[in-house]
Every structure is written in structure tokens, then in C-alpha cells.
Amino acid sequence: MNKHSIVFLGLDTHKEFHEVAYCEEQRGASSVHYGRIPTSKVSVKNLIRQFESKYPGATIHVVYEAGYCCYVVAPSLIPKKPGERIKTDRRDALKLVK
């Protein structure tokens, strides 16, 4: 079994694509930008399968800003540093996994 027991996937969702980031459950682990995937069910299933094979035995938690499944995170509750006003999809996905 892999040393990681939980892996978090953050999805910043849009109509045409999801911006994806992930983070391993470890003290000091940093968020990693995975990239952009289409919004189709097949693409999301393939993404989950990739992480299941990369982290065998780990629990995968998927989080995103709003919707009908997974964890729902209110954008207003995501901590922001003072002066951090520029909003990008990549940055949002990285914040979600934190």
C-alpha cells in the first residue's frame, strides 16, 4: 500500500472544462496543478482511475465550489491572503485542495 491514505482533488468547474489540482494528505504537502480536463463523465472517471492507480489503497476526496455531488466548498470560506485579488481557475483549484 502507498504511504498516502488520503488524496484531495480540487476541481474548478466550468461548462466546458474542469481545472484540476491535487494534494496528498501529509504535513507540509504542497498543492500540485494537474491540468485541464473536459467536463464529460468519461474524463472525470478516467481522472479518478489515474489517481487510484497512482495512489493504490488511498481514499480520494473530490472537492469543488458548488454542485450536486462530492464535498461542496463555499468560495467565501476559502481563506485569502491580504492583497490577493487576482482570481484564476488554476489558483482556485489549488486553493480548493488546501
PDB file of N, CA and C in Angstrom:
ATOM      1  N   MET A   1       0.837  -1.190   0.000  1.00  0.00           N
ATOM      2  CA  MET A   1       0.000   0.000   0.000  1.00  0.00           C
ATOM      3  C   MET A   1       0.874   1.244   0.000  1.00  0.00           C
ATOM      4  N   ASN A   2       0.414   2.249  -0.688  1.00  0.00           N
ATOM      5  CA  ASN A   2       1.131   3.504  -0.771  1.00  0.00           C
ATOM      6  C   ASN A   2       1.091   4.206   0.587  1.00  0.00           C
ATOM      7  N   LYS A   3       2.058   5.069   0.846  1.00  0.00           N
ATOM      8  CA  LYS A   3       2.127   5.753   2.130  1.00  0.00           C
ATOM      9  C   LYS A   3       1.053   6.829   2.304  1.00  0.00           C
ATOM     10  N   HIS A   4       0.325   7.172   1.236  1.00  0.00           N
ATOM     11  CA  HIS A   4      -0.689   8.207   1.301  1.00  0.00           C
ATOM     12  C   HIS A   4      -2.046   7.575   1.577  1.00  0.00           C
ATOM     13  N   SER A   5      -2.705   8.007   2.649  1.00  0.00           N
ATOM     14  CA  SER A   5      -4.004   7.433   2.960  1.00  0.00           C
ATOM     15  C   SER A   5      -5.151   8.234   2.343  1.00  0.00           C
ATOM     16  N   ILE A   6      -4.938   9.529   2.121  1.00  0.00           N
ATOM     17  CA  ILE A   6      -5.959  10.376   1.518  1.00  0.00           C
ATOM     18  C   ILE A   6      -5.304  11.293   0.484  1.00  0.00           C
ATOM     19  N   VAL A   7      -5.979  11.427  -0.656  1.00  0.00           N
ATOM     20  CA  VAL A   7      -5.561  12.367  -1.697  1.00  0.00           C
ATOM     21  C   VAL A   7      -6.760  13.248  -2.002  1.00  0.00           C
ATOM     22  N   PHE A   8      -6.550  14.554  -2.022  1.00  0.00           N
ATOM     23  CA  PHE A   8      -7.609  15.503  -2.316  1.00  0.00           C
ATOM     24  C   PHE A   8      -7.474  15.987  -3.758  1.00  0.00           C
ATOM     25  N   LEU A   9      -8.574  15.956  -4.500  1.00  0.00           N
ATOM     26  CA  LEU A   9      -8.627  16.506  -5.851  1.00  0.00           C
ATOM     27  C   LEU A   9      -9.517  17.744  -5.809  1.00  0.00           C
ATOM     28  N   GLY A  10      -9.029  18.864  -6.283  1.00  0.00           N
ATOM     29  CA  GLY A  10      -9.815  20.091  -6.349  1.00  0.00           C
ATOM     30  C   GLY A  10     -10.194  20.386  -7.781  1.00  0.00           C
ATOM     31  N   LEU A  11     -11.481  20.604  -8.032  1.00  0.00           N
ATOM     32  CA  LEU A  11     -11.972  20.903  -9.372  1.00  0.00           C
ATOM     33  C   LEU A  11     -12.582  22.292  -9.399  1.00  0.00           C
ATOM     34  N   ASP A  12     -12.050  23.149 -10.238  1.00  0.00           N
ATOM     35  CA  ASP A  12     -12.700  24.422 -10.504  1.00  0.00           C
ATOM     36  C   ASP A  12     -13.520  24.179 -11.769  1.00  0.00           C
ATOM     37  N   THR A  13     -14.837  24.137 -11.628  1.00  0.00           N
ATOM     38  CA  THR A  13     -15.693  23.654 -12.696  1.00  0.00           C
ATOM     39  C   THR A  13     -16.229  24.768 -13.595  1.00  0.00           C
ATOM     40  N   HIS A  14     -16.342  24.423 -14.864  1.00  0.00           N
ATOM     41  CA  HIS A  14     -16.917  25.297 -15.882  1.00  0.00           C
ATOM     42  C   HIS A  14     -17.766  24.440 -16.806  1.00  0.00           C
ATOM     43  N   LYS A  15     -18.474  25.063 -17.691  1.00  0.00           N
ATOM     44  CA  LYS A  15     -19.351  24.323 -18.604  1.00  0.00           C
ATOM     45  C   LYS A  15     -18.557  23.395 -19.518  1.00  0.00           C
ATOM     46  N   GLU A  16     -17.419  23.829 -20.020  1.00  0.00           N
ATOM     47  CA  GLU A  16     -16.648  23.066 -20.998  1.00  0.00           C
ATOM     48  C   GLU A  16     -15.478  22.277 -20.413  1.00  0.00           C
ATOM     49  N   PHE A  17     -14.994  22.653 -19.235  1.00  0.00           N
ATOM     50  CA  PHE A  17     -13.807  22.005 -18.679  1.00  0.00           C
ATOM     51  C   PHE A  17     -13.771  22.099 -17.166  1.00  0.00           C
ATOM     52  N   HIS A  18     -12.915  21.258 -16.566  1.00  0.00           N
ATOM     53  CA  HIS A  18     -12.583  21.320 -15.140  1.00  0.00           C
ATOM     54  C   HIS A  18     -11.094  21.623 -15.042  1.00  0.00           C
ATOM     55  N   GLU A  19     -10.732  22.563 -14.205  1.00  0.00           N
ATOM     56  CA  GLU A  19      -9.326  22.813 -13.884  1.00  0.00           C
ATOM     57  C   GLU A  19      -9.037  21.979 -12.644  1.00  0.00           C
ATOM     58  N   VAL A  20      -7.980  21.148 -12.686  1.00  0.00           N
ATOM     59  CA  VAL A  20      -7.748  20.153 -11.640  1.00  0.00           C
ATOM     60  C   VAL A  20      -6.428  20.409 -10.906  1.00  0.00           C
ATOM     61  N   ALA A  21      -6.485  20.268  -9.592  1.00  0.00           N
ATOM     62  CA  ALA A  21      -5.287  20.294  -8.744  1.00  0.00           C
ATOM     63  C   ALA A  21      -5.444  19.171  -7.728  1.00  0.00           C
ATOM     64  N   TYR A  22      -4.319  18.736  -7.149  1.00  0.00           N
ATOM     65  CA  TYR A  22      -4.394  17.694  -6.128  1.00  0.00           C
ATOM     66  C   TYR A  22      -3.368  17.930  -5.041  1.00  0.00           C
ATOM     67  N   CYS A  23      -3.623  17.288  -3.901  1.00  0.00           N
ATOM     68  CA  CYS A  23      -2.739  17.414  -2.751  1.00  0.00           C
ATOM     69  C   CYS A  23      -2.805  16.123  -1.951  1.00  0.00           C
ATOM     70  N   GLU A  24      -1.659  15.647  -1.521  1.00  0.00           N
ATOM     71  CA  GLU A  24      -1.592  14.446  -0.687  1.00  0.00           C
ATOM     72  C   GLU A  24      -1.763  14.855   0.770  1.00  0.00           C
ATOM     73  N   GLU A  25      -2.357  13.946   1.555  1.00  0.00           N
ATOM     74  CA  GLU A  25      -2.550  14.239   2.976  1.00  0.00           C
ATOM     75  C   GLU A  25      -1.243  13.948   3.713  1.00  0.00           C
ATOM     76  N   GLN A  26      -0.445  14.944   3.846  1.00  0.00           N
ATOM     77  CA  GLN A  26       0.822  14.865   4.575  1.00  0.00           C
ATOM     78  C   GLN A  26       1.102  16.243   5.141  1.00  0.00           C
ATOM     79  N   ARG A  27       1.770  16.272   6.246  1.00  0.00           N
ATOM     80  CA  ARG A  27       2.174  17.564   6.797  1.00  0.00           C
ATOM     81  C   ARG A  27       3.163  18.204   5.826  1.00  0.00           C
ATOM     82  N   GLY A  28       2.879  19.424   5.441  1.00  0.00           N
ATOM     83  CA  GLY A  28       3.768  20.162   4.551  1.00  0.00           C
ATOM     84  C   GLY A  28       3.611  19.833   3.074  1.00  0.00           C
ATOM     85  N   ALA A  29       2.657  18.987   2.718  1.00  0.00           N
ATOM     86  CA  ALA A  29       2.462  18.658   1.301  1.00  0.00           C
ATOM     87  C   ALA A  29       1.952  19.888   0.559  1.00  0.00           C
ATOM     88  N   SER A  30       2.450  20.088  -0.643  1.00  0.00           N
ATOM     89  CA  SER A  30       2.009  21.244  -1.424  1.00  0.00           C
ATOM     90  C   SER A  30       1.008  20.811  -2.487  1.00  0.00           C
ATOM     91  N   SER A  31       0.168  21.752  -2.878  1.00  0.00           N
ATOM     92  CA  SER A  31      -0.806  21.503  -3.930  1.00  0.00           C
ATOM     93  C   SER A  31      -0.090  21.466  -5.272  1.00  0.00           C
ATOM     94  N   VAL A  32      -0.587  20.604  -6.161  1.00  0.00           N
ATOM     95  CA  VAL A  32       0.007  20.454  -7.489  1.00  0.00           C
ATOM     96  C   VAL A  32      -1.074  20.685  -8.532  1.00  0.00           C
ATOM     97  N   HIS A  33      -0.785  21.535  -9.501  1.00  0.00           N
ATOM     98  CA  HIS A  33      -1.731  21.756 -10.588  1.00  0.00           C
ATOM     99  C   HIS A  33      -1.617  20.589 -11.565  1.00  0.00           C
ATOM    100  N   TYR A  34      -2.705  19.874 -11.765  1.00  0.00           N
ATOM    101  CA  TYR A  34      -2.731  18.702 -12.652  1.00  0.00           C
ATOM    102  C   TYR A  34      -2.967  19.123 -14.092  1.00  0.00           C
ATOM    103  N   GLY A  35      -3.906  20.035 -14.304  1.00  0.00           N
ATOM    104  CA  GLY A  35      -4.216  20.487 -15.659  1.00  0.00           C
ATOM    105  C   GLY A  35      -5.706  20.648 -15.866  1.00  0.00           C
ATOM    106  N   ARG A  36      -6.099  20.679 -17.124  1.00  0.00           N
ATOM    107  CA  ARG A  36      -7.486  20.905 -17.511  1.00  0.00           C
ATOM    108  C   ARG A  36      -8.023  19.644 -18.173  1.00  0.00           C
ATOM    109  N   ILE A  37      -9.253  19.245 -17.806  1.00  0.00           N
ATOM    110  CA  ILE A  37      -9.889  18.088 -18.423  1.00  0.00           C
ATOM    111  C   ILE A  37     -11.283  18.492 -18.900  1.00  0.00           C
ATOM    112  N   PRO A  38     -11.830  17.782 -19.906  1.00  0.00           N
ATOM    113  CA  PRO A  38     -13.205  18.064 -20.330  1.00  0.00           C
ATOM    114  C   PRO A  38     -14.196  17.720 -19.221  1.00  0.00           C
ATOM    115  N   THR A  39     -15.420  18.237 -19.313  1.00  0.00           N
ATOM    116  CA  THR A  39     -16.420  18.005 -18.278  1.00  0.00           C
ATOM    117  C   THR A  39     -17.187  16.695 -18.445  1.00  0.00           C
ATOM    118  N   SER A  40     -16.868  15.896 -19.430  1.00  0.00           N
ATOM    119  CA  SER A  40     -17.601  14.653 -19.652  1.00  0.00           C
ATOM    120  C   SER A  40     -17.397  13.672 -18.498  1.00  0.00           C
ATOM    121  N   LYS A  41     -18.395  12.810 -18.282  1.00  0.00           N
ATOM    122  CA  LYS A  41     -18.297  11.803 -17.226  1.00  0.00           C
ATOM    123  C   LYS A  41     -17.110  10.885 -17.462  1.00  0.00           C
ATOM    124  N   VAL A  42     -16.852  10.555 -18.723  1.00  0.00           N
ATOM    125  CA  VAL A  42     -15.730   9.667 -19.067  1.00  0.00           C
ATOM    126  C   VAL A  42     -14.405  10.286 -18.631  1.00  0.00           C
ATOM    127  N   SER A  43     -14.241  11.574 -18.860  1.00  0.00           N
ATOM    128  CA  SER A  43     -12.999  12.258 -18.471  1.00  0.00           C
ATOM    129  C   SER A  43     -12.810  12.255 -16.962  1.00  0.00           C
ATOM    130  N   VAL A  44     -13.885  12.496 -16.223  1.00  0.00           N
ATOM    131  CA  VAL A  44     -13.798  12.512 -14.758  1.00  0.00           C
ATOM    132  C   VAL A  44     -13.500  11.101 -14.241  1.00  0.00           C
ATOM    133  N   LYS A  45     -14.159  10.083 -14.810  1.00  0.00           N
ATOM    134  CA  LYS A  45     -13.887   8.701 -14.409  1.00  0.00           C
ATOM    135  C   LYS A  45     -12.443   8.319 -14.696  1.00  0.00           C
ATOM    136  N   ASN A  46     -11.927   8.722 -15.851  1.00  0.00           N
ATOM    137  CA  ASN A  46     -10.529   8.441 -16.184  1.00  0.00           C
ATOM    138  C   ASN A  46      -9.573   9.133 -15.209  1.00  0.00           C
ATOM    139  N   LEU A  47      -9.902  10.357 -14.822  1.00  0.00           N
ATOM    140  CA  LEU A  47      -9.089  11.085 -13.847  1.00  0.00           C
ATOM    141  C   LEU A  47      -9.033  10.320 -12.531  1.00  0.00           C
ATOM    142  N   ILE A  48     -10.189   9.865 -12.050  1.00  0.00           N
ATOM    143  CA  ILE A  48     -10.240   9.117 -10.791  1.00  0.00           C
ATOM    144  C   ILE A  48      -9.443   7.824 -10.916  1.00  0.00           C
ATOM    145  N   ARG A  49      -9.586   7.122 -12.020  1.00  0.00           N
ATOM    146  CA  ARG A  49      -8.829   5.879 -12.226  1.00  0.00           C
ATOM    147  C   ARG A  49      -7.320   6.123 -12.218  1.00  0.00           C
ATOM    148  N   GLN A  50      -6.890   7.226 -12.833  1.00  0.00           N
ATOM    149  CA  GLN A  50      -5.461   7.558 -12.826  1.00  0.00           C
ATOM    150  C   GLN A  50      -4.943   7.734 -11.403  1.00  0.00           C
ATOM    151  N   PHE A  51      -5.719   8.428 -10.575  1.00  0.00           N
ATOM    152  CA  PHE A  51      -5.292   8.652  -9.197  1.00  0.00           C
ATOM    153  C   PHE A  51      -5.398   7.377  -8.357  1.00  0.00           C
ATOM    154  N   GLU A  52      -6.369   6.517  -8.665  1.00  0.00           N
ATOM    155  CA  GLU A  52      -6.464   5.237  -7.963  1.00  0.00           C
ATOM    156  C   GLU A  52      -5.263   4.359  -8.268  1.00  0.00           C
ATOM    157  N   SER A  53      -4.764   4.407  -9.498  1.00  0.00           N
ATOM    158  CA  SER A  53      -3.583   3.598  -9.822  1.00  0.00           C
ATOM    159  C   SER A  53      -2.296   4.245  -9.315  1.00  0.00           C
ATOM    160  N   LYS A  54      -2.251   5.588  -9.276  1.00  0.00           N
ATOM    161  CA  LYS A  54      -1.067   6.287  -8.762  1.00  0.00           C
ATOM    162  C   LYS A  54      -0.952   6.155  -7.247  1.00  0.00           C
ATOM    163  N   TYR A  55      -2.117   6.125  -6.553  1.00  0.00           N
ATOM    164  CA  TYR A  55      -2.157   6.014  -5.096  1.00  0.00           C
ATOM    165  C   TYR A  55      -3.026   4.812  -4.692  1.00  0.00           C
ATOM    166  N   PRO A  56      -2.539   3.593  -4.906  1.00  0.00           N
ATOM    167  CA  PRO A  56      -3.350   2.411  -4.581  1.00  0.00           C
ATOM    168  C   PRO A  56      -3.665   2.344  -3.085  1.00  0.00           C
ATOM    169  N   GLY A  57      -4.909   2.043  -2.771  1.00  0.00           N
ATOM    170  CA  GLY A  57      -5.336   1.934  -1.378  1.00  0.00           C
ATOM    171  C   GLY A  57      -5.679   3.248  -0.716  1.00  0.00           C
ATOM    172  N   ALA A  58      -5.417   4.360  -1.367  1.00  0.00           N
ATOM    173  CA  ALA A  58      -5.716   5.669  -0.779  1.00  0.00           C
ATOM    174  C   ALA A  58      -7.189   6.014  -0.999  1.00  0.00           C
ATOM    175  N   THR A  59      -7.731   6.820  -0.094  1.00  0.00           N
ATOM    176  CA  THR A  59      -9.068   7.365  -0.260  1.00  0.00           C
ATOM    177  C   THR A  59      -8.944   8.667  -1.030  1.00  0.00           C
ATOM    178  N   ILE A  60      -9.751   8.815  -2.067  1.00  0.00           N
ATOM    179  CA  ILE A  60      -9.689  10.021  -2.895  1.00  0.00           C
ATOM    180  C   ILE A  60     -10.913  10.872  -2.592  1.00  0.00           C
ATOM    181  N   HIS A  61     -10.662  12.110  -2.144  1.00  0.00           N
ATOM    182  CA  HIS A  61     -11.733  13.065  -1.877  1.00  0.00           C
ATOM    183  C   HIS A  61     -11.732  14.104  -2.995  1.00  0.00           C
ATOM    184  N   VAL A  62     -12.885  14.306  -3.608  1.00  0.00           N
ATOM    185  CA  VAL A  62     -13.025  15.298  -4.668  1.00  0.00           C
ATOM    186  C   VAL A  62     -13.798  16.484  -4.110  1.00  0.00           C
ATOM    187  N   VAL A  63     -13.231  17.679  -4.263  1.00  0.00           N
ATOM    188  CA  VAL A  63     -13.888  18.889  -3.788  1.00  0.00           C
ATOM    189  C   VAL A  63     -14.024  19.884  -4.931  1.00  0.00           C
ATOM    190  N   TYR A  64     -15.109  20.635  -4.895  1.00  0.00           N
ATOM    191  CA  TYR A  64     -15.295  21.707  -5.860  1.00  0.00           C
ATOM    192  C   TYR A  64     -16.209  22.758  -5.272  1.00  0.00           C
ATOM    193  N   GLU A  65     -16.328  23.882  -5.961  1.00  0.00           N
ATOM    194  CA  GLU A  65     -17.014  25.029  -5.365  1.00  0.00           C
ATOM    195  C   GLU A  65     -18.506  24.821  -5.145  1.00  0.00           C
ATOM    196  N   ALA A  66     -19.201  24.241  -6.055  1.00  0.00           N
ATOM    197  CA  ALA A  66     -20.641  24.047  -5.896  1.00  0.00           C
ATOM    198  C   ALA A  66     -21.128  22.998  -6.883  1.00  0.00           C
ATOM    199  N   GLY A  67     -22.238  22.354  -6.557  1.00  0.00           N
ATOM    200  CA  GLY A  67     -22.792  21.368  -7.469  1.00  0.00           C
ATOM    201  C   GLY A  67     -23.603  20.321  -6.743  1.00  0.00           C
ATOM    202  N   TYR A  68     -23.773  19.158  -7.360  1.00  0.00           N
ATOM    203  CA  TYR A  68     -24.689  18.148  -6.854  1.00  0.00           C
ATOM    204  C   TYR A  68     -24.016  16.931  -6.219  1.00  0.00           C
ATOM    205  N   CYS A  69     -22.709  16.831  -6.216  1.00  0.00           N
ATOM    206  CA  CYS A  69     -22.057  15.676  -5.597  1.00  0.00           C
ATOM    207  C   CYS A  69     -20.727  16.082  -4.965  1.00  0.00           C
ATOM    208  N   CYS A  70     -20.092  15.167  -4.272  1.00  0.00           N
ATOM    209  CA  CYS A  70     -18.795  15.393  -3.610  1.00  0.00           C
ATOM    210  C   CYS A  70     -18.941  16.422  -2.489  1.00  0.00           C
ATOM    211  N   TYR A  71     -17.821  16.920  -2.018  1.00  0.00           N
ATOM    212  CA  TYR A  71     -17.840  17.966  -0.998  1.00  0.00           C
ATOM    213  C   TYR A  71     -18.150  19.300  -1.666  1.00  0.00           C
ATOM    214  N   VAL A  72     -18.899  20.124  -0.994  1.00  0.00           N
ATOM    215  CA  VAL A  72     -19.202  21.453  -1.509  1.00  0.00           C
ATOM    216  C   VAL A  72     -18.496  22.462  -0.615  1.00  0.00           C
ATOM    217  N   VAL A  73     -17.712  23.321  -1.236  1.00  0.00           N
ATOM    218  CA  VAL A  73     -16.953  24.323  -0.503  1.00  0.00           C
ATOM    219  C   VAL A  73     -17.434  25.700  -0.936  1.00  0.00           C
ATOM    220  N   ALA A  74     -17.900  26.467   0.011  1.00  0.00           N
ATOM    221  CA  ALA A  74     -18.349  27.827  -0.299  1.00  0.00           C
ATOM    222  C   ALA A  74     -17.136  28.689  -0.633  1.00  0.00           C
ATOM    223  N   PRO A  75     -17.135  29.345  -1.793  1.00  0.00           N
ATOM    224  CA  PRO A  75     -15.989  30.180  -2.165  1.00  0.00           C
ATOM    225  C   PRO A  75     -15.667  31.241  -1.129  1.00  0.00           C
ATOM    226  N   SER A  76     -16.676  31.745  -0.430  1.00  0.00           N
ATOM    227  CA  SER A  76     -16.432  32.787   0.569  1.00  0.00           C
ATOM    228  C   SER A  76     -15.683  32.260   1.795  1.00  0.00           C
ATOM    229  N   LEU A  77     -15.666  30.931   1.996  1.00  0.00           N
ATOM    230  CA  LEU A  77     -14.990  30.356   3.156  1.00  0.00           C
ATOM    231  C   LEU A  77     -13.549  29.938   2.873  1.00  0.00           C
ATOM    232  N   ILE A  78     -13.101  30.092   1.629  1.00  0.00           N
ATOM    233  CA  ILE A  78     -11.723  29.745   1.280  1.00  0.00           C
ATOM    234  C   ILE A  78     -10.836  30.912   1.711  1.00  0.00           C
ATOM    235  N   PRO A  79      -9.867  30.645   2.607  1.00  0.00           N
ATOM    236  CA  PRO A  79      -9.017  31.739   3.099  1.00  0.00           C
ATOM    237  C   PRO A  79      -8.238  32.425   1.974  1.00  0.00           C
ATOM    238  N   LYS A  80      -8.104  33.740   2.093  1.00  0.00           N
ATOM    239  CA  LYS A  80      -7.350  34.526   1.117  1.00  0.00           C
ATOM    240  C   LYS A  80      -6.334  35.374   1.857  1.00  0.00           C
ATOM    241  N   LYS A  81      -5.173  35.523   1.251  1.00  0.00           N
ATOM    242  CA  LYS A  81      -4.150  36.391   1.832  1.00  0.00           C
ATOM    243  C   LYS A  81      -4.502  37.845   1.516  1.00  0.00           C
ATOM    244  N   PRO A  82      -4.102  38.770   2.370  1.00  0.00           N
ATOM    245  CA  PRO A  82      -4.354  40.184   2.078  1.00  0.00           C
ATOM    246  C   PRO A  82      -3.695  40.577   0.754  1.00  0.00           C
ATOM    247  N   GLY A  83      -4.424  41.289  -0.063  1.00  0.00           N
ATOM    248  CA  GLY A  83      -3.882  41.737  -1.341  1.00  0.00           C
ATOM    249  C   GLY A  83      -4.006  40.722  -2.462  1.00  0.00           C
ATOM    250  N   GLU A  84      -4.528  39.541  -2.176  1.00  0.00           N
ATOM    251  CA  GLU A  84      -4.665  38.509  -3.205  1.00  0.00           C
ATOM    252  C   GLU A  84      -6.024  38.683  -3.880  1.00  0.00           C
ATOM    253  N   ARG A  85      -6.051  39.483  -4.917  1.00  0.00           N
ATOM    254  CA  ARG A  85      -7.319  39.826  -5.553  1.00  0.00           C
ATOM    255  C   ARG A  85      -7.470  39.208  -6.942  1.00  0.00           C
ATOM    256  N   ILE A  86      -6.392  38.755  -7.535  1.00  0.00           N
ATOM    257  CA  ILE A  86      -6.475  38.184  -8.878  1.00  0.00           C
ATOM    258  C   ILE A  86      -7.020  36.775  -8.779  1.00  0.00           C
ATOM    259  N   LYS A  87      -8.106  36.504  -9.508  1.00  0.00           N
ATOM    260  CA  LYS A  87      -8.775  35.211  -9.464  1.00  0.00           C
ATOM    261  C   LYS A  87      -8.508  34.471 -10.770  1.00  0.00           C
ATOM    262  N   THR A  88      -7.946  33.277 -10.673  1.00  0.00           N
ATOM    263  CA  THR A  88      -7.759  32.438 -11.846  1.00  0.00           C
ATOM    264  C   THR A  88      -8.274  31.039 -11.534  1.00  0.00           C
ATOM    265  N   ASP A  89      -8.637  30.288 -12.560  1.00  0.00           N
ATOM    266  CA  ASP A  89      -9.134  28.931 -12.372  1.00  0.00           C
ATOM    267  C   ASP A  89      -8.077  28.045 -11.733  1.00  0.00           C
ATOM    268  N   ARG A  90      -6.853  28.173 -12.185  1.00  0.00           N
ATOM    269  CA  ARG A  90      -5.754  27.369 -11.649  1.00  0.00           C
ATOM    270  C   ARG A  90      -5.579  27.642 -10.155  1.00  0.00           C
ATOM    271  N   ARG A  91      -5.583  28.915  -9.795  1.00  0.00           N
ATOM    272  CA  ARG A  91      -5.422  29.318  -8.401  1.00  0.00           C
ATOM    273  C   ARG A  91      -6.600  28.800  -7.555  1.00  0.00           C
ATOM    274  N   ASP A  92      -7.826  28.857  -8.107  1.00  0.00           N
ATOM    275  CA  ASP A  92      -8.992  28.366  -7.392  1.00  0.00           C
ATOM    276  C   ASP A  92      -8.884  26.866  -7.117  1.00  0.00           C
ATOM    277  N   ALA A  93      -8.464  26.095  -8.121  1.00  0.00           N
ATOM    278  CA  ALA A  93      -8.320  24.648  -7.949  1.00  0.00           C
ATOM    279  C   ALA A  93      -7.275  24.321  -6.885  1.00  0.00           C
ATOM    280  N   LEU A  94      -6.160  25.063  -6.901  1.00  0.00           N
ATOM    281  CA  LEU A  94      -5.105  24.841  -5.904  1.00  0.00           C
ATOM    282  C   LEU A  94      -5.599  25.177  -4.504  1.00  0.00           C
ATOM    283  N   LYS A  95      -6.413  26.226  -4.353  1.00  0.00           N
ATOM    284  CA  LYS A  95      -6.941  26.601  -3.048  1.00  0.00           C
ATOM    285  C   LYS A  95      -7.936  25.569  -2.533  1.00  0.00           C
ATOM    286  N   LEU A  96      -8.725  24.993  -3.439  1.00  0.00           N
ATOM    287  CA  LEU A  96      -9.725  24.013  -3.010  1.00  0.00           C
ATOM    288  C   LEU A  96      -9.103  22.799  -2.339  1.00  0.00           C
ATOM    289  N   VAL A  97      -7.975  22.332  -2.842  1.00  0.00           N
ATOM    290  CA  VAL A  97      -7.377  21.145  -2.239  1.00  0.00           C
ATOM    291  C   VAL A  97      -6.722  21.453  -0.907  1.00  0.00           C
ATOM    292  N   LYS A  98      -6.342  22.704  -0.684  1.00  0.00           N
ATOM    293  CA  LYS A  98      -5.776  23.087   0.614  1.00  0.00           C
ATOM    294  C   LYS A  98      -6.858  23.036   1.651  1.00  0.00           C
TER     295      LYS A  98
END
